[in-house]
Amino acid sequence: MKLDMDLLRLDMHGMNQGMNIMRSSQDEMNIMLKESEESRQRIKSMDEKSSVSAIERDNLKLESAKIVGALLRGAHEILNGIAKEEARNS
């Protein structure tokens, strides 16, 4: 009977160790899942910022093109004005 009790205690000790190992593994898995979710959120945030930056770049390009166009039209008008003035003086 004492031998059976010792074996039972040994089995219970082994089961407790197994449960502790399983809990530890589960904790590690939960940490890995949390880190994975945090990484996914960071990537999503970076993608959103990248999209916003691309839109802002496109808007800046459009504004720059408008400014260059206005400068070219202004320069053309000035040159036409100079040419007309020279034609009158000739």
Protein backbone atom coordinates (compact mmCIF):
# COMPACT_ATOMS: atom_id res chain seq x y z
CA MET A 1 0.00 0.00 0.00
CA LYS A 2 2.84 2.42 0.86
CA LEU A 3 4.43 1.64 -2.51
CA ASP A 4 1.15 2.46 -4.26
CA MET A 5 0.92 5.77 -2.41
CA ASP A 6 4.51 6.64 -3.30
CA LEU A 7 3.84 5.80 -6.96
CA LEU A 8 0.66 7.87 -6.87
CA ARG A 9 2.54 10.84 -5.36
CA LEU A 10 5.24 10.46 -7.99
CA ASP A 11 2.60 10.38 -10.73
CA MET A 12 0.92 13.47 -9.27
CA HIS A 13 4.26 15.28 -9.10
CA GLY A 14 4.92 14.38 -12.74
CA MET A 15 1.46 15.57 -13.73
CA ASN A 16 1.97 18.86 -11.88
CA GLN A 17 5.27 19.39 -13.68
CA GLY A 18 3.58 18.60 -16.98
CA MET A 19 0.82 21.12 -16.22
CA ASN A 20 3.40 23.77 -15.32
CA ILE A 21 5.22 23.12 -18.59
CA MET A 22 1.94 23.38 -20.50
CA ARG A 23 1.08 26.67 -18.76
CA SER A 24 4.53 28.01 -19.52
CA SER A 25 4.18 27.01 -23.17
CA GLN A 26 0.74 28.60 -23.31
CA ASP A 27 2.12 31.81 -21.80
CA GLU A 28 4.90 31.85 -24.41
CA MET A 29 2.35 31.32 -27.19
CA ASN A 30 0.20 34.17 -25.84
CA ILE A 31 3.24 36.46 -25.75
CA MET A 32 4.16 35.49 -29.31
CA LEU A 33 0.59 36.12 -30.48
CA LYS A 34 0.57 39.52 -28.78
CA GLU A 35 3.92 40.44 -30.35
CA SER A 36 2.64 39.26 -33.73
CA GLU A 37 -0.47 41.44 -33.40
CA GLU A 38 1.66 44.43 -32.33
CA SER A 39 3.92 43.89 -35.35
CA ARG A 40 0.90 43.67 -37.63
CA GLN A 41 -0.45 46.93 -36.19
CA ARG A 42 2.93 48.66 -36.69
CA ILE A 43 3.08 47.46 -40.30
CA LYS A 44 -0.50 48.64 -40.88
CA SER A 45 0.35 52.04 -39.38
CA MET A 46 3.45 52.32 -41.56
CA ASP A 47 1.42 51.40 -44.66
CA GLU A 48 -1.16 54.07 -43.81
CA LYS A 49 1.56 56.67 -43.28
CA SER A 50 3.17 55.62 -46.54
CA SER A 51 -0.14 56.05 -48.36
CA VAL A 52 -0.62 59.49 -46.83
CA SER A 53 2.93 60.44 -47.82
CA ALA A 54 2.31 59.27 -51.38
CA ILE A 55 -0.87 61.36 -51.57
CA GLU A 56 0.96 64.37 -50.13
CA ARG A 57 3.79 63.88 -52.66
CA ASP A 58 1.28 63.74 -55.51
CA ASN A 59 -0.41 66.91 -54.23
CA LEU A 60 2.95 68.68 -53.99
CA LYS A 61 3.82 67.61 -57.53
CA LEU A 62 0.49 68.96 -58.76
CA GLU A 63 0.99 72.26 -56.94
CA SER A 64 4.54 72.52 -58.30
CA ALA A 65 3.29 71.89 -61.83
CA LYS A 66 0.67 74.63 -61.39
CA ILE A 67 3.32 77.07 -60.15
CA VAL A 68 5.69 76.23 -63.01
CA GLY A 69 2.84 76.60 -65.49
CA ALA A 70 1.93 80.01 -64.06
CA LEU A 71 5.57 81.13 -64.20
CA LEU A 72 5.87 80.01 -67.82
CA ARG A 73 2.67 81.83 -68.78
CA GLY A 74 3.92 84.95 -66.98
CA ALA A 75 7.30 84.76 -68.72
CA HIS A 76 5.57 84.26 -72.08
CA GLU A 77 3.35 87.32 -71.51
CA ILE A 78 6.38 89.41 -70.52
CA LEU A 79 8.28 88.32 -73.63
CA ASN A 80 5.25 89.05 -75.82
CA GLY A 81 4.94 92.47 -74.19
CA ILE A 82 8.62 93.21 -74.84
CA ALA A 83 8.30 92.04 -78.45
CA LYS A 84 5.24 94.26 -79.01
CA GLU A 85 6.99 97.23 -77.44
CA GLU A 86 10.03 96.72 -79.67
CA ALA A 87 7.78 96.40 -82.71
CA ARG A 88 6.12 99.73 -81.88
CA ASN A 89 9.45 101.44 -81.41
CA SER A 90 10.79 100.19 -84.71
